[in-house]
N, C-alpha and C. Protein backbone atom coordinates (compact mmCIF):
# COMPACT_ATOMS: atom_id res chain seq x y z
N MET A 1 -72.84 240.34 -92.86
CA MET A 1 -73.36 241.56 -93.22
C MET A 1 -72.55 242.70 -93.36
N GLY A 2 -72.81 243.38 -94.49
CA GLY A 2 -71.97 244.31 -94.91
C GLY A 2 -72.33 245.80 -94.42
N ALA A 3 -71.89 246.89 -94.99
CA ALA A 3 -71.98 248.17 -94.56
C ALA A 3 -73.60 248.44 -93.98
N ILE A 4 -74.56 248.13 -95.04
CA ILE A 4 -75.76 248.20 -95.09
C ILE A 4 -76.35 246.95 -94.11
N PRO A 5 -77.23 247.26 -93.35
CA PRO A 5 -77.62 246.09 -92.47
C PRO A 5 -78.42 245.30 -93.47
N ASP A 6 -78.36 243.95 -93.45
CA ASP A 6 -79.33 242.90 -94.14
C ASP A 6 -81.05 243.35 -93.75
N GLU A 7 -81.73 243.45 -94.74
CA GLU A 7 -83.07 243.59 -94.64
C GLU A 7 -83.72 242.76 -93.67
N ALA A 8 -83.21 241.59 -93.46
CA ALA A 8 -83.65 240.79 -92.60
C ALA A 8 -83.65 241.11 -91.30
N VAL A 9 -82.47 241.65 -90.93
CA VAL A 9 -82.18 242.02 -89.56
C VAL A 9 -83.06 243.14 -89.10
N LEU A 10 -83.33 244.20 -90.00
CA LEU A 10 -84.12 245.26 -89.61
C LEU A 10 -85.56 244.67 -89.38
N ALA A 11 -85.72 243.78 -90.43
CA ALA A 11 -87.31 243.01 -90.31
C ALA A 11 -87.64 242.44 -89.06
N ALA A 12 -86.69 241.73 -88.64
CA ALA A 12 -86.69 240.81 -87.34
C ALA A 12 -86.69 241.81 -86.21
N LEU A 13 -86.08 242.95 -86.21
CA LEU A 13 -86.27 244.03 -84.94
C LEU A 13 -87.58 244.63 -85.10
N TYR A 14 -88.06 244.83 -86.22
CA TYR A 14 -89.48 245.38 -86.42
C TYR A 14 -90.45 244.41 -85.88
N LEU A 15 -90.35 243.16 -86.25
CA LEU A 15 -91.30 242.12 -86.00
C LEU A 15 -91.31 242.17 -84.47
N ILE A 16 -90.16 241.99 -83.77
CA ILE A 16 -90.10 242.12 -82.30
C ILE A 16 -90.59 243.10 -81.90
N PHE A 17 -90.53 244.36 -82.29
CA PHE A 17 -91.32 245.54 -81.70
C PHE A 17 -92.85 245.49 -82.04
N ASN A 18 -93.14 245.02 -83.20
CA ASN A 18 -94.73 244.79 -83.46
C ASN A 18 -95.34 243.83 -82.52
N GLU A 19 -94.65 242.71 -82.26
CA GLU A 19 -95.31 241.72 -81.47
C GLU A 19 -95.36 242.38 -79.87
N GLY A 20 -94.62 243.30 -79.40
CA GLY A 20 -94.54 244.18 -78.36
C GLY A 20 -95.73 245.09 -78.35
N TYR A 21 -95.74 245.72 -79.51
CA TYR A 21 -96.81 246.69 -79.69
C TYR A 21 -98.29 246.35 -79.73
N LEU A 22 -98.55 245.28 -80.37
CA LEU A 22 -99.87 244.49 -80.42
C LEU A 22 -99.64 243.25 -80.15
N ALA A 23 -99.62 242.56 -79.12
CA ALA A 23 -99.09 241.12 -78.90
C ALA A 23 -100.43 240.30 -79.27
N THR A 24 -99.87 239.20 -79.93
CA THR A 24 -100.78 238.12 -80.36
C THR A 24 -100.79 236.88 -79.34
N SER A 25 -100.12 237.17 -78.24
CA SER A 25 -100.19 236.02 -77.23
C SER A 25 -99.94 236.73 -75.96
N ALA A 26 -99.80 235.88 -74.83
CA ALA A 26 -99.43 236.43 -73.51
C ALA A 26 -100.63 237.26 -72.73
N GLY A 27 -101.93 236.96 -73.30
CA GLY A 27 -102.90 237.46 -72.63
C GLY A 27 -102.92 239.10 -72.21
N THR A 28 -102.27 239.91 -73.05
CA THR A 28 -102.00 241.08 -72.79
C THR A 28 -102.22 241.94 -74.18
N LEU A 29 -102.51 243.06 -74.35
CA LEU A 29 -102.36 243.82 -75.47
C LEU A 29 -101.11 244.31 -76.05
N VAL A 30 -100.33 244.79 -74.77
CA VAL A 30 -99.05 245.42 -75.02
C VAL A 30 -98.05 244.59 -74.27
N ARG A 31 -96.88 244.22 -74.90
CA ARG A 31 -95.86 243.76 -74.26
C ARG A 31 -94.56 244.55 -74.06
N ARG A 32 -94.48 245.54 -73.17
CA ARG A 32 -93.45 246.63 -73.16
C ARG A 32 -91.88 246.01 -73.28
N GLU A 33 -91.84 244.58 -72.64
CA GLU A 33 -90.46 244.34 -72.54
C GLU A 33 -90.03 243.85 -73.99
N LEU A 34 -90.89 243.55 -74.92
CA LEU A 34 -90.44 243.26 -76.32
C LEU A 34 -90.34 244.58 -76.96
N CYS A 35 -90.91 245.55 -76.66
CA CYS A 35 -90.68 246.95 -77.56
C CYS A 35 -89.58 247.43 -77.01
N ASP A 36 -89.37 247.49 -75.71
CA ASP A 36 -87.97 247.94 -75.08
C ASP A 36 -86.83 247.26 -75.56
N GLU A 37 -86.81 245.87 -75.84
CA GLU A 37 -85.78 245.08 -76.46
C GLU A 37 -85.40 245.48 -77.62
N ALA A 38 -86.36 245.72 -78.64
CA ALA A 38 -86.44 245.87 -80.01
C ALA A 38 -85.69 247.18 -80.16
N ILE A 39 -86.02 248.49 -79.30
CA ILE A 39 -85.78 249.64 -79.35
C ILE A 39 -84.22 249.78 -78.91
N LYS A 40 -83.76 248.94 -77.83
CA LYS A 40 -82.48 248.86 -77.33
C LYS A 40 -81.77 248.19 -78.44
N LEU A 41 -81.84 247.17 -79.38
CA LEU A 41 -81.17 246.65 -80.46
C LEU A 41 -81.08 247.42 -81.33
N THR A 42 -82.22 248.37 -81.67
CA THR A 42 -81.96 249.03 -82.87
C THR A 42 -81.12 250.39 -82.48
N ARG A 43 -81.26 250.75 -81.44
CA ARG A 43 -80.40 251.92 -80.88
C ARG A 43 -78.83 251.33 -80.87
N VAL A 44 -78.43 249.96 -80.63
CA VAL A 44 -77.23 249.61 -80.80
C VAL A 44 -76.83 249.82 -82.23
N LEU A 45 -77.60 249.02 -83.06
CA LEU A 45 -77.33 249.21 -84.67
C LEU A 45 -77.05 250.46 -85.19
N ALA A 46 -77.94 251.50 -84.66
CA ALA A 46 -77.72 252.89 -85.11
C ALA A 46 -76.37 253.32 -84.68
N ILE A 47 -75.90 252.96 -83.21
CA ILE A 47 -74.74 253.34 -83.10
C ILE A 47 -73.62 252.64 -83.85
N LEU A 48 -73.76 251.38 -84.27
CA LEU A 48 -72.72 250.84 -85.05
C LEU A 48 -72.61 251.19 -86.51
N MET A 49 -73.52 251.73 -86.92
CA MET A 49 -73.98 251.99 -88.41
C MET A 49 -74.58 253.53 -88.49
N PRO A 50 -73.84 254.61 -88.10
CA PRO A 50 -74.50 255.90 -87.69
C PRO A 50 -74.85 256.50 -89.11
N ARG A 51 -74.44 256.13 -90.19
CA ARG A 51 -74.51 256.64 -91.37
C ARG A 51 -75.71 255.87 -92.41
N GLU A 52 -76.40 255.05 -91.80
CA GLU A 52 -77.38 254.16 -92.35
C GLU A 52 -78.76 254.59 -92.14
N PRO A 53 -79.43 255.54 -92.94
CA PRO A 53 -80.76 256.07 -92.85
C PRO A 53 -81.89 255.04 -92.43
N GLU A 54 -81.88 253.87 -93.11
CA GLU A 54 -82.74 252.93 -92.74
C GLU A 54 -82.92 252.69 -91.31
N VAL A 55 -81.73 252.30 -90.63
CA VAL A 55 -81.61 252.09 -89.21
C VAL A 55 -82.27 253.18 -88.58
N HIS A 56 -81.76 254.38 -88.81
CA HIS A 56 -82.29 255.59 -88.04
C HIS A 56 -83.80 255.83 -88.06
N GLY A 57 -84.25 255.40 -89.51
CA GLY A 57 -85.43 255.36 -89.70
C GLY A 57 -86.48 254.71 -88.98
N LEU A 58 -85.97 253.31 -88.95
CA LEU A 58 -86.56 252.28 -88.08
C LEU A 58 -86.66 252.72 -86.69
N LEU A 59 -85.50 253.31 -86.04
CA LEU A 59 -85.71 253.75 -84.61
C LEU A 59 -86.43 254.81 -84.54
N GLY A 60 -86.56 255.80 -85.29
CA GLY A 60 -87.38 256.81 -85.16
C GLY A 60 -88.96 256.40 -85.21
N LEU A 61 -89.37 255.41 -86.00
CA LEU A 61 -90.74 254.98 -86.24
C LEU A 61 -90.92 254.15 -84.97
N MET A 62 -90.06 253.07 -84.55
CA MET A 62 -90.53 252.54 -83.12
C MET A 62 -90.73 253.61 -81.98
N LEU A 63 -89.86 254.43 -82.06
CA LEU A 63 -89.90 255.62 -81.04
C LEU A 63 -91.19 256.31 -81.13
N MET A 64 -91.57 256.81 -82.18
CA MET A 64 -92.87 257.38 -82.23
C MET A 64 -94.03 256.48 -81.89
N HIS A 65 -94.06 255.35 -82.35
CA HIS A 65 -95.13 254.43 -81.97
C HIS A 65 -95.34 254.05 -80.49
N HIS A 66 -94.10 254.00 -79.96
CA HIS A 66 -93.81 253.62 -78.49
C HIS A 66 -94.23 254.97 -77.55
N SER A 67 -94.22 255.85 -78.14
CA SER A 67 -94.43 257.25 -77.31
C SER A 67 -95.86 257.21 -76.88
N ARG A 68 -96.46 256.36 -77.53
CA ARG A 68 -98.16 256.47 -77.28
C ARG A 68 -98.52 255.25 -76.42
N ARG A 69 -97.50 254.55 -75.86
CA ARG A 69 -97.83 253.38 -75.12
C ARG A 69 -98.78 253.51 -74.10
N ASP A 70 -98.64 254.55 -73.15
CA ASP A 70 -99.42 254.60 -72.20
C ASP A 70 -100.84 255.10 -72.55
N ALA A 71 -100.92 255.89 -73.46
CA ALA A 71 -102.34 256.30 -73.80
C ALA A 71 -103.06 255.18 -74.63
N ARG A 72 -102.35 254.29 -75.16
CA ARG A 72 -103.03 253.07 -76.07
C ARG A 72 -104.06 252.14 -75.19
N VAL A 73 -103.73 251.97 -74.14
CA VAL A 73 -104.23 251.02 -73.32
C VAL A 73 -105.00 251.37 -72.11
N ASN A 74 -106.23 251.26 -71.65
CA ASN A 74 -106.86 251.92 -70.47
C ASN A 74 -106.53 250.97 -69.32
N GLU A 75 -106.89 251.41 -68.15
CA GLU A 75 -106.72 250.70 -66.82
C GLU A 75 -107.21 249.30 -66.76
N HIS A 76 -108.00 248.88 -67.69
CA HIS A 76 -108.57 247.46 -67.66
C HIS A 76 -107.76 246.56 -68.74
N GLY A 77 -106.79 247.27 -69.39
CA GLY A 77 -106.08 246.61 -70.52
C GLY A 77 -106.50 246.59 -71.72
N ASP A 78 -107.74 247.45 -72.06
CA ASP A 78 -108.50 247.48 -73.38
C ASP A 78 -107.60 248.47 -74.20
N MET A 79 -108.07 248.14 -75.69
CA MET A 79 -107.26 249.23 -76.43
C MET A 79 -108.22 250.38 -76.37
N VAL A 80 -107.45 251.53 -76.49
CA VAL A 80 -108.04 252.97 -76.46
C VAL A 80 -107.80 253.56 -78.08
N LEU A 81 -108.71 253.84 -78.67
CA LEU A 81 -108.70 254.53 -80.17
C LEU A 81 -107.77 255.57 -79.96
N LEU A 82 -107.17 256.03 -81.00
CA LEU A 82 -106.22 257.25 -81.08
C LEU A 82 -107.15 258.51 -80.69
N GLU A 83 -108.50 258.67 -81.37
CA GLU A 83 -108.94 259.81 -81.13
C GLU A 83 -109.64 259.91 -79.63
N ASP A 84 -109.44 258.97 -78.78
CA ASP A 84 -109.84 258.90 -77.53
C ASP A 84 -108.63 259.05 -76.32
N GLN A 85 -107.50 258.76 -77.01
CA GLN A 85 -106.16 258.69 -75.99
C GLN A 85 -105.96 259.96 -75.52
N ASP A 86 -105.54 259.79 -74.15
CA ASP A 86 -104.97 261.04 -73.22
C ASP A 86 -103.69 261.57 -73.94
N ARG A 87 -103.54 262.83 -74.63
CA ARG A 87 -102.40 263.20 -74.99
C ARG A 87 -101.38 263.73 -73.86
N SER A 88 -101.81 263.73 -72.64
CA SER A 88 -101.05 264.34 -71.43
C SER A 88 -100.26 263.33 -70.92
N LEU A 89 -100.14 262.25 -71.34
CA LEU A 89 -99.59 260.81 -70.81
C LEU A 89 -97.90 260.78 -71.06
N GLY A 90 -97.41 261.85 -71.27
CA GLY A 90 -95.90 261.79 -71.41
C GLY A 90 -95.59 261.65 -72.96
N ILE A 91 -96.61 261.69 -73.75
CA ILE A 91 -96.59 261.36 -75.01
C ILE A 91 -95.41 262.27 -76.01
N ALA A 92 -95.56 263.68 -75.68
CA ALA A 92 -94.97 264.74 -76.37
C ALA A 92 -93.27 264.46 -75.81
N SER A 93 -93.23 264.47 -75.03
CA SER A 93 -91.61 264.25 -74.59
C SER A 93 -90.92 263.16 -75.10
N ARG A 94 -91.80 261.87 -75.01
CA ARG A 94 -91.02 260.71 -75.69
C ARG A 94 -91.03 260.62 -77.21
N SER A 95 -91.80 261.26 -77.81
CA SER A 95 -92.25 261.44 -79.22
C SER A 95 -91.10 262.26 -79.77
N ARG A 96 -90.62 263.37 -79.05
CA ARG A 96 -89.55 264.49 -79.40
C ARG A 96 -88.51 263.66 -79.44
N ARG A 97 -87.99 262.49 -78.91
CA ARG A 97 -86.75 261.76 -79.09
C ARG A 97 -86.73 261.10 -80.43
N ALA A 98 -87.89 260.85 -81.19
CA ALA A 98 -87.78 260.21 -82.42
C ALA A 98 -87.48 261.18 -83.54
N SER A 99 -87.90 262.75 -83.26
CA SER A 99 -87.75 263.54 -84.22
C SER A 99 -86.17 263.70 -85.11
N PRO A 100 -85.34 263.61 -83.76
CA PRO A 100 -83.72 263.50 -84.40
C PRO A 100 -83.48 262.54 -85.32
N CYS A 101 -83.99 261.46 -85.09
CA CYS A 101 -83.80 260.27 -85.89
C CYS A 101 -84.24 260.58 -87.25
N ARG A 102 -85.75 261.08 -87.45
CA ARG A 102 -86.36 261.34 -88.78
C ARG A 102 -85.25 262.42 -89.49
N THR A 103 -84.88 263.51 -88.52
CA THR A 103 -84.22 264.64 -89.17
C THR A 103 -82.68 264.20 -89.80
N ARG A 104 -82.25 263.22 -88.90
CA ARG A 104 -80.76 262.71 -89.41
C ARG A 104 -80.87 261.97 -90.71
N ARG A 105 -82.09 260.90 -90.53
CA ARG A 105 -82.52 260.03 -91.64
C ARG A 105 -82.64 260.98 -92.92
N GLU A 106 -83.37 262.07 -92.98
CA GLU A 106 -83.72 263.00 -94.01
C GLU A 106 -82.30 263.66 -94.53
N ARG A 107 -81.61 264.01 -93.78
CA ARG A 107 -80.36 264.77 -93.85
C ARG A 107 -79.40 263.82 -94.83
N ARG A 108 -79.40 262.65 -94.32
CA ARG A 108 -78.42 261.57 -95.10
C ARG A 108 -78.97 261.32 -96.53
N ARG A 109 -80.46 261.00 -96.60
CA ARG A 109 -80.99 260.81 -97.74
C ARG A 109 -80.74 261.74 -98.75
N ARG A 110 -80.81 263.20 -98.44
CA ARG A 110 -80.41 264.37 -99.33
C ARG A 110 -78.89 264.17 -99.81
N MET A 111 -77.98 263.88 -98.75
CA MET A 111 -76.61 263.86 -98.93
C MET A 111 -76.45 262.85 -100.12
N ARG A 112 -77.06 261.49 -99.96
CA ARG A 112 -76.64 260.68 -100.85
C ARG A 112 -77.43 260.93 -102.12
N SER A 113 -78.28 261.48 -102.39
CA SER A 113 -78.99 261.98 -103.59
C SER A 113 -78.19 263.12 -104.29
N ARG A 114 -77.36 263.70 -103.67
CA ARG A 114 -76.51 264.76 -104.04
C ARG A 114 -75.42 264.13 -105.00
N ARG A 115 -74.71 263.05 -104.31
CA ARG A 115 -73.63 262.43 -104.64
C ARG A 115 -73.97 261.70 -106.00
N ARG A 116 -75.17 261.43 -106.42
CA ARG A 116 -75.36 260.55 -107.47
C ARG A 116 -75.36 261.38 -108.81
């Protein structure tokens, strides 16, 4: 792997996250441990490659989606539609963590376009 992470690495991290976000097995809708692990590994990659907007963009995307985790499932384990989700379940504080990733990614994208 060179300076830019191989697309397969980013895709694998996102697939792990997606399986946790909407599990296809394990008899549960959400598998938090998979989401948490994918986020942890993507954070490590972001630390190792601080100038790669793709990594920070992926991390921001994961954090934004994961910020809704408590509101997405009701007490019976059933999915709750977005329009019916309780926004008071700590969503705002967790989603704010994703904003710096998005801002950093956009800033780097603008800097790269200026260099060309």
